Protein backbone atom coordinates (compact mmCIF):
# COMPACT_ATOMS: atom_id res chain seq x y z
CA ILE A 1 -59.65 -38.20 -255.51
CA LYS A 2 -60.84 -35.89 -252.67
CA THR A 3 -64.72 -36.14 -251.61
CA LEU A 4 -67.33 -33.73 -252.66
CA LEU A 5 -66.89 -31.56 -249.29
CA THR A 6 -63.27 -31.54 -249.44
CA PHE A 7 -63.57 -30.28 -252.86
CA LEU A 8 -66.13 -27.48 -251.90
CA LYS A 9 -64.16 -26.52 -248.78
CA GLU A 10 -61.31 -25.90 -250.99
CA LEU A 11 -63.29 -23.74 -253.45
CA TYR A 12 -61.88 -20.08 -253.22
CA PHE A 13 -65.55 -19.05 -254.30
CA MET A 14 -68.69 -19.07 -253.28
CA ASN A 15 -70.78 -22.46 -253.12
CA LEU A 16 -74.05 -23.07 -254.06
CA ASP A 17 -75.91 -22.11 -251.19
CA GLN A 18 -73.81 -18.86 -250.97
CA LEU A 19 -74.40 -18.22 -254.47
CA LYS A 20 -78.10 -18.71 -253.78
CA GLU A 21 -77.95 -16.18 -250.91
CA GLU A 22 -76.23 -13.58 -252.90
CA ALA A 23 -78.51 -13.85 -255.70
CA ARG A 24 -81.23 -13.02 -253.20
CA LYS A 25 -79.74 -10.41 -252.37
CA ASP A 26 -78.47 -9.06 -255.56
CA LEU A 27 -81.78 -9.62 -257.69
CA ILE A 28 -83.89 -7.84 -255.09
CA ILE A 29 -84.62 -3.80 -256.25
CA GLU A 30 -84.09 -2.35 -252.96
CA ASN A 31 -84.95 1.09 -253.52
CA GLU A 32 -87.92 1.79 -255.93
CA GLU A 33 -87.53 5.34 -255.56
CA GLN A 34 -84.20 5.19 -257.09
CA LEU A 35 -85.00 3.05 -260.33
CA GLY A 36 -82.13 4.47 -262.30
CA SER A 37 -79.18 4.01 -259.94
CA GLU A 38 -80.77 0.20 -259.61
CA SER A 39 -80.64 -0.47 -263.64
CA LEU A 40 -76.66 0.81 -263.42
CA LYS A 41 -76.35 -1.78 -260.64
CA ASN A 42 -77.23 -4.68 -262.98
CA GLN A 43 -73.95 -4.32 -264.91
CA LYS A 44 -71.87 -4.78 -261.66
CA ILE A 45 -73.91 -7.42 -260.51
CA LYS A 46 -74.02 -9.34 -263.86
CA THR A 47 -70.08 -9.09 -263.93
CA LYS A 48 -69.93 -10.79 -260.80
CA TYR A 49 -72.03 -14.08 -261.72
CA LEU A 50 -70.56 -13.71 -265.13
CA ASP A 51 -66.88 -14.36 -263.37
CA GLN A 52 -68.44 -17.34 -261.32
CA ARG A 53 -69.73 -19.10 -264.04
CA SER A 54 -66.21 -18.91 -266.12
CA ARG A 55 -64.64 -20.45 -263.09
CA PHE A 56 -67.07 -23.28 -262.41
CA GLN A 57 -67.08 -23.44 -266.62
CA LEU A 58 -63.03 -23.98 -265.79
CA LEU A 59 -63.58 -26.49 -263.05
CA LEU A 60 -65.57 -28.28 -265.25
CA GLN A 61 -63.46 -29.46 -267.81
CA LYS A 62 -61.36 -30.30 -265.74
CA ALA A 63 -63.29 -32.48 -263.82
CA ASN A 64 -64.60 -34.00 -266.70
CA GLY A 65 -60.81 -34.60 -267.95
CA ASP A 66 -59.90 -35.95 -264.62
CA TYR A 67 -63.12 -38.29 -265.12
CA GLN A 68 -61.47 -39.45 -268.82
CA ARG A 69 -58.25 -40.30 -267.25
CA MET A 70 -59.90 -41.93 -264.23
CA TYR A 71 -62.02 -44.05 -266.38
CA ARG A 72 -58.73 -45.17 -268.38
CA GLU A 73 -57.16 -46.26 -265.43
CA LYS A 74 -59.94 -48.26 -263.71
CA TRP A 75 -60.37 -50.01 -267.15
CA GLU A 76 -56.77 -51.17 -266.70
CA TYR A 77 -57.58 -51.97 -263.27
CA TYR A 78 -60.06 -53.77 -263.99
CA GLY A 79 -59.04 -55.45 -267.17
CA GLY A 80 -55.93 -56.91 -265.68
CA LYS A 81 -53.94 -54.31 -267.63
CA SER A 82 -52.14 -52.07 -264.93
CA ASP A 83 -49.08 -52.19 -263.24
CA ALA A 84 -48.24 -54.90 -261.04
CA LYS A 85 -47.08 -52.41 -258.37
CA VAL A 86 -51.36 -51.10 -258.36
CA TYR A 87 -52.74 -54.47 -257.61
CA VAL A 88 -50.26 -55.08 -255.17
CA ALA A 89 -51.25 -51.85 -253.29
CA LYS A 90 -54.85 -52.65 -254.11
CA PRO A 91 -55.43 -56.30 -254.76
CA PHE A 92 -58.07 -57.46 -257.37
CA ASP A 93 -58.48 -60.93 -258.03
CA LEU A 94 -61.64 -61.44 -260.31
CA LYS A 95 -61.23 -62.01 -263.82
CA VAL A 96 -63.66 -59.55 -265.34
CA LEU A 97 -65.33 -60.15 -269.10
CA LYS A 98 -65.33 -57.43 -271.58
CA TYR A 99 -68.59 -56.72 -271.54
CA ASP A 100 -68.60 -56.18 -267.60
CA LEU A 101 -65.71 -53.86 -267.65
CA ALA A 102 -68.12 -50.54 -267.63
CA MET A 103 -70.29 -52.01 -264.85
CA TYR A 104 -67.48 -52.16 -262.69
CA ILE A 105 -66.26 -48.80 -263.45
CA THR A 106 -69.37 -46.96 -263.39
CA SER A 107 -69.63 -48.33 -259.69
CA ASP A 108 -66.20 -48.04 -258.47
CA GLU A 109 -66.25 -45.47 -255.32
CA GLU A 110 -63.99 -42.84 -256.94
CA VAL A 111 -65.65 -42.58 -259.83
CA ILE A 112 -68.77 -42.11 -258.47
CA ALA A 113 -67.19 -39.65 -256.05
CA LEU A 114 -66.28 -37.75 -259.46
CA MET A 115 -69.46 -37.90 -261.06
CA ASP A 116 -70.77 -36.02 -258.18
CA LYS A 117 -68.14 -33.36 -258.95
CA ILE A 118 -69.21 -33.30 -262.27
CA GLY A 119 -72.76 -33.25 -261.75
CA TYR A 120 -72.21 -30.50 -258.92
CA LEU A 121 -70.36 -28.25 -261.30
CA GLU A 122 -72.79 -28.90 -263.86
CA THR A 123 -75.88 -27.66 -261.47
CA VAL A 124 -74.02 -24.86 -260.40
CA ILE A 125 -73.34 -23.64 -263.55
CA LYS A 126 -76.83 -23.99 -264.54
CA TYR A 127 -77.83 -22.08 -261.46
CA LEU A 128 -75.89 -19.35 -262.63
CA GLU A 129 -77.15 -18.91 -266.09
CA GLY A 130 -80.33 -18.88 -264.45
CA ILE A 131 -79.03 -15.88 -262.48
CA ILE A 132 -77.64 -14.09 -264.96
CA LYS A 133 -80.80 -14.43 -266.99
CA SER A 134 -82.58 -13.00 -264.14
CA ILE A 135 -80.05 -9.57 -264.09
CA ASP A 136 -81.53 -9.40 -267.57
CA ASN A 137 -84.85 -9.76 -266.82
CA ARG A 138 -84.06 -7.26 -264.12
CA GLY A 139 -83.23 -4.56 -266.24
CA TRP A 140 -86.98 -5.26 -268.25
CA ASP A 141 -88.53 -4.92 -265.24
CA ILE A 142 -86.61 -1.53 -263.93
CA LYS A 143 -87.41 -0.32 -267.01
CA ASN A 144 -91.46 -1.51 -267.12
CA ALA A 145 -91.46 -0.35 -263.31
CA ILE A 146 -90.46 3.47 -264.84
CA GLU A 147 -92.73 3.70 -267.40
CA TRP A 148 -95.16 2.92 -265.14
CA LYS A 149 -94.42 5.79 -263.02
CA LYS A 150 -94.11 8.03 -265.90
CA PHE A 151 -98.03 6.85 -266.58
CA GLU A 152 -98.98 7.54 -263.32
CA ALA A 153 -97.42 10.66 -263.29
CA GLY A 154 -99.42 11.59 -266.98
CA MET A 155 -96.36 11.63 -268.79
CA ILE A 156 -97.26 9.40 -271.32
């Protein structure tokens, strides 16, 4: 299992810090005089973040599958049910009671690293959902700004 940092370096798309920086740029209404074009910009940026969310959701799904496979492997390892070759490569001489297996498995370094990866992916997905919600709200903000400009101009 790769470390979280190795995993992040291999991503071919943005990590959380990059997403935060992009969102800061994308969510700002740059030109208050061109609110119509700012409104049209919403669909472009929303597509960008929907794409990112789907990529991270797929990664999360894969990581959850990896966790299930690893949990079974660790259950076999700590329960003394693994192939003898496994114990030659990585000896484990303790006899673990059935009710203690979960403690050994959840405190295993590889399992912890995978849980960190899953937690990271869940955090990124929640952040992306917040960005998408902000983009939707940005549309309302632009509409309200247009209405305010009309009011100031005496058009309503």
